[in-house]
Structures are given as structure tokens and as C-alpha cells.
Amino acid sequence: MLFDFDKNAKSHYNVISALSASLTVSPSRSQMFEGEFVSMSCEEDDNSAGWKLRRNTTRDTRKECGVKWGKIIRSSCNISDIITLDSGVYWCESREGATSNSINITVTGGPVILQSPVLPVMEGDDVTLHCKTKTSNLPADFYKDGSLIRTEPAGHMTIHNVSKSDEGLYKCNIRSHGESPSSWISVTGEILSAEKPTSTAPPPVSAPSQLVIRLVCHLVVFCPYFISTLLMVSSCRHRPTGYDLPVSMTTEAAERLAEEYDDIVAVTTEHHF
């Protein structure tokens, strides 16, 4: 049978509050035959956290290894002659209440098990499922979410380039022996890389801004010259007749001023369009 527990508890114990410990199981699979020897351990990054192995089963809730189940030897929790009542969810927990990854173990008294990954599979990886009896590998039918996927003569099936769509409930059947329990296979995405730092360089000056700057520069250069010319012409007009400039010189200066103004307007208009 596949052990399940209420949704809230599942959500709680699947949360990795602090990645300071991870639960490992040997043999590394989610289904076991009755009578097998199973060893579990909390691989700790922080020994001071006091990580302990706990489980939820149909008869236990948050029971610690060594209390009515399992035997602690060094840093491992061992279960000899595992039975169906040992089916359940196992996890590591610190004194502060932080939890590791959780593992769902199914123990069957039947003749067939599905050997599947005990931990989530990374997207893009390949995963191989084995349909096994206690003595040999035989041709097997593989099912996902109750639907037949395919039949494999060698008793194992490989899923290439795993994606989220491959996540689901799997089981297998050996026609001469029977059907395995079902196991859920989880698929997790790749870890996102850190965001690239944003550039601190100032934005480039836009084309309209460049035109405005050019126009201002032309005006700064042109205005003093224009004003001084007007003052000179005005001064010449008010001088006595003997000191008047020839009309041809005054006219020539005005024409040159007009030509320079036309050139500035033409340059500014050309840049604008």
C-alpha cells in the first residue's frame, strides 16, 4: 500500500526549513519487501542542531527513532526485518523544529516492488524504474496514474530527459507474480542562477538632446557677435557726417551677418531632421 497522510502535515514536513541536514536511506528506494534490513541516517552540516530521525505511520505520529521503533547505532537508525506497519513518512528534525527532506517508505508483503528514486528527480535527468521480485527480473508492465505506459521485456524502463509532465504515481505488474504498490515520483526544477548585476553606466544622450545642445552652442557663439554688430552699426549712424562709414561697408557688414545667420539656421535644421 502507499502510505498517505493529511494535506497539512504533508505540506509541513516537505518544507526544508534549513538545509542543514538531509535524510538518506539504504537501500536507496521507496519500496521495500517485508523482512529487509533498512538503514537511515541524518547527514548533518551542523552537528550542534541535534538532528533526530522521526516518522509518521498508521500507528505512530512524530515518533523518534529508538522509541518503540528502530535501533540507533552510531549515527544511523536501523530497522531489522521491516514490516508493513513501518510504511510511512520519515524525516530529520532539529531541536529548533527545522526539518530535512522527507521520504515516503512503502513496505509490502507482496512478491513485486517498483524500484524508483526515493528523492525528487531533477528536470532534464534520466530516471530508470525497475520492476523486481525477490529472486529475478522478469518482463513487466509499467503504469503511470493508472494508465499503461509500455511493457518492458527486461523488467526496467528508462524515462529520458525528465520533465514536470513525468511527475505522477507509478506502479508495475509482472503477470506471473503480481502488481507492485504505487509510488509517487517528484520532479524538481533546476536551481536558478543569481541575477546578473545591473549596469551603472549612464544612459546615452538621445538624438533630440544632442540637437538642443548644438542649437544652444550656436546661439551662445552667435548672440554676442550679433549684438556687437548692431551696436557698431548704431554707433556709426549717430556719428558726425565726417566720420560716417561708407554705405558700402555698412551694407557689406549687414549682408555678412545675414549670411552667417542663414548658415546657423541651416545647420540646426539639418540636425533636427
Protein backbone atom coordinates (compact mmCIF):
# COMPACT_ATOMS: atom_id res chain seq x y z
CA MET A 1 0.00 0.00 0.00
CA LEU A 2 1.05 3.61 -0.45
CA PHE A 3 1.03 5.45 2.87
CA ASP A 4 -0.52 8.89 2.73
CA PHE A 5 -1.27 11.47 5.39
CA ASP A 6 -3.32 14.63 5.68
CA LYS A 7 -2.53 17.50 3.34
CA ASN A 8 -1.46 19.95 6.02
CA ALA A 9 1.02 17.51 7.55
CA LYS A 10 2.43 16.68 4.11
CA SER A 11 2.90 20.34 3.34
CA HIS A 12 4.63 20.88 6.69
CA TYR A 13 7.08 18.01 6.55
CA ASN A 14 8.04 18.53 2.92
CA VAL A 15 9.29 22.03 3.73
CA ILE A 16 13.07 22.26 4.05
CA SER A 17 13.33 24.90 6.72
CA ALA A 18 17.11 24.90 6.94
CA LEU A 19 19.30 22.94 4.58
CA SER A 20 21.48 21.71 7.45
CA ALA A 21 20.61 18.01 7.22
CA SER A 22 19.37 15.53 4.66
CA LEU A 23 17.81 12.12 5.16
CA THR A 24 19.34 9.15 3.33
CA VAL A 25 18.06 5.57 3.21
CA SER A 26 19.75 2.29 2.30
CA PRO A 27 18.74 0.50 0.16
CA SER A 28 18.00 3.73 -1.72
CA ARG A 29 14.44 3.12 -2.88
CA SER A 30 10.95 3.99 -1.77
CA GLN A 31 9.56 0.41 -1.70
CA MET A 32 10.80 -2.45 0.46
CA PHE A 33 9.98 -6.13 0.81
CA GLU A 34 8.92 -7.30 4.26
CA GLY A 35 11.85 -8.73 6.17
CA GLU A 36 14.50 -6.47 4.59
CA PHE A 37 17.14 -4.63 6.60
CA VAL A 38 16.84 -0.83 6.22
CA SER A 39 19.24 1.82 7.49
CA MET A 40 18.52 5.56 7.63
CA SER A 41 20.68 8.48 8.68
CA CYS A 42 20.59 12.25 9.01
CA GLU A 43 23.58 13.68 7.17
CA GLU A 44 24.26 16.82 9.20
CA ASP A 45 26.04 20.03 8.29
CA ASP A 46 25.51 21.36 11.81
CA ASN A 47 26.16 18.75 14.50
CA SER A 48 25.06 21.17 17.22
CA ALA A 49 21.49 21.18 15.93
CA GLY A 50 20.82 17.77 17.48
CA TRP A 51 19.07 16.25 14.45
CA LYS A 52 16.87 13.23 15.16
CA LEU A 53 15.02 10.84 12.87
CA ARG A 54 11.23 10.86 13.21
CA ARG A 55 8.34 9.24 11.38
CA ASN A 56 4.58 9.22 10.84
CA THR A 57 2.88 5.86 10.26
CA THR A 58 -0.58 4.45 10.71
CA ARG A 59 0.30 3.71 14.35
CA ASP A 60 2.89 6.44 15.18
CA THR A 61 2.94 10.24 14.99
CA ARG A 62 6.29 12.07 15.15
CA LYS A 63 7.87 9.08 16.88
CA GLU A 64 11.62 9.34 17.32
CA CYS A 65 13.96 6.51 16.29
CA GLY A 66 14.82 4.34 19.29
CA VAL A 67 11.43 4.96 20.90
CA LYS A 68 9.31 1.88 20.11
CA TRP A 69 10.87 1.53 16.67
CA GLY A 70 14.34 1.26 15.17
CA LYS A 71 17.70 0.99 16.83
CA ILE A 72 20.31 3.75 16.93
CA ILE A 73 23.81 2.56 16.02
CA ARG A 74 26.37 5.37 15.79
CA SER A 75 24.75 7.96 13.53
CA SER A 76 22.28 5.59 11.84
CA CYS A 77 18.79 4.34 12.65
CA ASN A 78 18.44 0.68 11.66
CA ILE A 79 15.27 -1.35 11.17
CA SER A 80 15.74 -5.10 11.06
CA ASP A 81 13.03 -7.24 9.47
CA ILE A 82 10.96 -4.26 8.35
CA ILE A 83 7.18 -4.90 8.21
CA THR A 84 4.20 -3.26 6.51
CA LEU A 85 3.37 -1.30 9.68
CA ASP A 86 6.70 0.52 9.16
CA SER A 87 5.29 2.11 5.99
CA GLY A 88 5.16 5.87 6.41
CA VAL A 89 6.92 9.20 6.15
CA TYR A 90 10.40 9.65 7.62
CA TRP A 91 12.33 12.91 8.17
CA CYS A 92 15.07 14.53 10.25
CA GLU A 93 14.20 17.25 12.76
CA SER A 94 16.39 19.57 14.84
CA ARG A 95 15.80 20.73 18.40
CA GLU A 96 14.59 24.06 17.00
CA GLY A 97 11.99 22.31 14.82
CA ALA A 98 13.75 22.67 11.44
CA THR A 99 13.09 19.73 9.11
CA SER A 100 15.02 17.96 6.37
CA ASN A 101 13.65 16.40 3.21
CA SER A 102 11.02 13.73 3.86
CA ILE A 103 10.94 10.21 2.43
CA ASN A 104 7.85 8.07 1.90
CA ILE A 105 8.64 4.40 2.52
CA THR A 106 6.23 1.65 1.45
CA VAL A 107 6.71 -1.88 2.79
CA THR A 108 4.87 -4.70 1.01
CA GLY A 109 4.25 -8.32 1.82
CA GLY A 110 3.64 -8.97 -1.89
CA PRO A 111 6.06 -10.53 -4.39
CA VAL A 112 6.71 -7.40 -6.53
CA ILE A 113 8.09 -3.94 -5.85
CA LEU A 114 8.77 -0.93 -8.05
CA GLN A 115 12.30 0.32 -7.52
CA SER A 116 12.05 4.09 -8.03
CA PRO A 117 14.02 7.16 -6.83
CA VAL A 118 13.47 7.90 -3.18
CA LEU A 119 14.27 11.61 -3.68
CA PRO A 120 12.89 14.11 -6.25
CA VAL A 121 14.34 13.82 -9.75
CA MET A 122 15.95 16.86 -11.39
CA GLU A 123 14.39 18.12 -14.63
CA GLY A 124 16.46 17.04 -17.65
CA ASP A 125 17.89 13.93 -15.96
CA ASP A 126 17.21 10.33 -16.92
CA VAL A 127 15.47 8.02 -14.46
CA THR A 128 15.21 4.22 -14.58
CA LEU A 129 12.42 2.26 -12.91
CA HIS A 130 12.90 -1.41 -12.05
CA CYS A 131 10.10 -3.91 -11.52
CA LYS A 132 11.56 -6.54 -9.21
CA THR A 133 10.75 -9.76 -7.47
CA LYS A 134 12.87 -11.12 -4.63
CA THR A 135 14.69 -13.51 -6.93
CA SER A 136 14.78 -12.22 -10.51
CA ASN A 137 13.87 -9.60 -13.10
CA LEU A 138 11.02 -10.54 -15.42
CA PRO A 139 9.06 -8.80 -18.21
CA ALA A 140 6.87 -6.13 -16.66
CA ASP A 141 4.10 -3.66 -17.48
CA PHE A 142 4.65 -0.10 -16.25
CA TYR A 143 1.81 2.25 -15.33
CA LYS A 144 1.56 5.98 -14.64
CA ASP A 145 -1.53 7.37 -12.91
CA GLY A 146 -3.35 4.11 -13.65
CA SER A 147 -2.62 4.06 -17.41
CA LEU A 148 -0.30 1.56 -19.10
CA ILE A 149 2.87 3.23 -20.40
CA ARG A 150 4.57 0.24 -22.00
CA THR A 151 5.79 -3.31 -21.46
CA GLU A 152 9.50 -3.93 -20.96
CA PRO A 153 10.93 -7.46 -21.53
CA ALA A 154 13.90 -6.82 -19.21
CA GLY A 155 11.73 -5.51 -16.38
CA HIS A 156 13.12 -1.97 -16.30
CA MET A 157 12.09 1.27 -18.01
CA THR A 158 14.08 4.48 -18.53
CA ILE A 159 12.48 7.90 -18.83
CA HIS A 160 14.83 10.24 -20.69
CA ASN A 161 15.05 14.00 -20.15
CA VAL A 162 12.54 14.05 -17.30
CA SER A 163 10.10 17.00 -17.17
CA LYS A 164 7.29 18.10 -14.87
CA SER A 165 4.81 16.18 -17.03
CA ASP A 166 6.53 12.93 -15.93
CA GLU A 167 5.62 13.58 -12.29
CA GLY A 168 2.99 11.16 -11.03
CA LEU A 169 2.04 7.86 -9.42
CA TYR A 170 3.86 4.83 -10.85
CA LYS A 171 3.47 1.10 -10.40
CA CYS A 172 4.38 -2.07 -12.28
CA ASN A 173 2.98 -5.53 -12.86
CA ILE A 174 4.68 -8.87 -13.51
CA ARG A 175 1.94 -11.04 -14.92
CA SER A 176 3.18 -14.29 -13.45
CA HIS A 177 3.71 -12.79 -9.97
CA GLY A 178 1.50 -9.77 -9.35
CA GLU A 179 1.45 -6.00 -9.02
CA SER A 180 3.67 -3.67 -7.04
CA PRO A 181 2.45 -0.90 -4.73
CA SER A 182 2.31 2.59 -6.21
CA SER A 183 4.97 5.24 -5.59
CA TRP A 184 4.90 8.96 -6.30
CA ILE A 185 7.81 10.30 -8.37
CA SER A 186 8.52 14.00 -7.87
CA VAL A 187 10.31 16.19 -10.42
CA THR A 188 12.05 19.37 -9.35
CA GLY A 189 13.36 22.25 -11.45
CA GLU A 190 16.95 23.44 -11.70
CA ILE A 191 18.26 25.94 -9.19
CA LEU A 192 18.01 29.44 -10.59
CA SER A 193 21.27 31.27 -11.11
CA ALA A 194 21.84 34.58 -9.36
CA GLU A 195 20.62 37.62 -11.19
CA LYS A 196 23.20 39.48 -13.22
CA PRO A 197 24.19 42.85 -11.74
CA THR A 198 22.62 45.78 -13.49
CA SER A 199 24.81 48.26 -15.33
CA THR A 200 25.55 51.52 -13.57
CA ALA A 201 26.66 53.35 -16.73
CA PRO A 202 24.62 56.49 -17.52
CA PRO A 203 22.16 56.23 -20.42
CA PRO A 204 23.34 57.53 -23.80
CA VAL A 205 22.28 61.02 -24.83
CA SER A 206 19.32 60.88 -27.19
CA ALA A 207 19.32 62.47 -30.67
CA PRO A 208 16.88 65.29 -29.74
CA SER A 209 19.08 66.19 -26.75
CA GLN A 210 22.11 66.41 -29.00
CA LEU A 211 20.26 68.79 -31.34
CA VAL A 212 19.24 71.03 -28.44
CA ILE A 213 22.84 71.14 -27.21
CA ARG A 214 24.09 72.05 -30.68
CA LEU A 215 21.47 74.83 -31.02
CA VAL A 216 22.41 76.29 -27.64
CA CYS A 217 26.10 76.27 -28.60
CA HIS A 218 25.36 78.10 -31.87
CA LEU A 219 23.28 80.70 -30.05
CA VAL A 220 25.98 81.24 -27.43
CA VAL A 221 28.53 81.88 -30.20
CA PHE A 222 26.21 83.92 -32.44
CA CYS A 223 24.45 86.24 -29.97
CA PRO A 224 27.50 88.25 -28.74
CA TYR A 225 28.65 88.75 -32.31
CA PHE A 226 25.15 89.79 -33.42
CA ILE A 227 24.77 92.27 -30.53
CA SER A 228 28.21 93.81 -31.04
CA THR A 229 27.49 94.28 -34.74
CA LEU A 230 24.21 96.02 -34.02
CA LEU A 231 25.93 98.34 -31.53
CA MET A 232 28.61 99.16 -34.08
CA VAL A 233 26.06 99.96 -36.79
CA SER A 234 24.02 102.06 -34.38
CA SER A 235 27.10 103.96 -33.27
CA CYS A 236 28.11 104.67 -36.83
CA ARG A 237 24.71 106.11 -37.68
CA HIS A 238 24.88 108.66 -34.83
CA ARG A 239 28.40 109.90 -35.56
CA PRO A 240 29.01 113.27 -37.36
CA THR A 241 28.92 113.16 -41.14
CA GLY A 242 32.66 113.43 -41.42
CA TYR A 243 33.11 110.23 -39.52
CA ASP A 244 30.36 108.17 -41.14
CA LEU A 245 31.37 104.87 -42.58
CA PRO A 246 30.81 104.41 -46.25
CA VAL A 247 27.39 102.96 -47.06
CA SER A 248 29.02 100.11 -48.94
CA MET A 249 30.86 99.00 -45.76
CA THR A 250 27.70 99.10 -43.65
CA THR A 251 25.77 97.19 -46.26
CA GLU A 252 28.56 94.62 -46.56
CA ALA A 253 28.60 94.00 -42.80
CA ALA A 254 24.84 93.53 -42.72
CA GLU A 255 24.93 91.10 -45.63
CA ARG A 256 27.73 89.04 -44.00
CA LEU A 257 25.73 88.94 -40.75
CA ALA A 258 22.66 87.72 -42.61
CA GLU A 259 24.65 85.01 -44.42
CA GLU A 260 26.12 83.71 -41.13
CA TYR A 261 22.67 83.60 -39.53
CA ASP A 262 21.31 81.63 -42.53
CA ASP A 263 24.19 79.16 -42.21
CA ILE A 264 23.46 78.58 -38.49
CA VAL A 265 19.74 78.06 -39.15
CA ALA A 266 20.54 75.62 -41.98
CA VAL A 267 22.91 73.56 -39.78
CA THR A 268 20.42 73.43 -36.92
CA THR A 269 17.58 72.42 -39.26
CA GLU A 270 19.71 69.70 -40.85
CA HIS A 271 20.49 68.11 -37.45
CA HIS A 272 16.88 68.37 -36.35
CA PHE A 273 15.51 66.40 -39.29
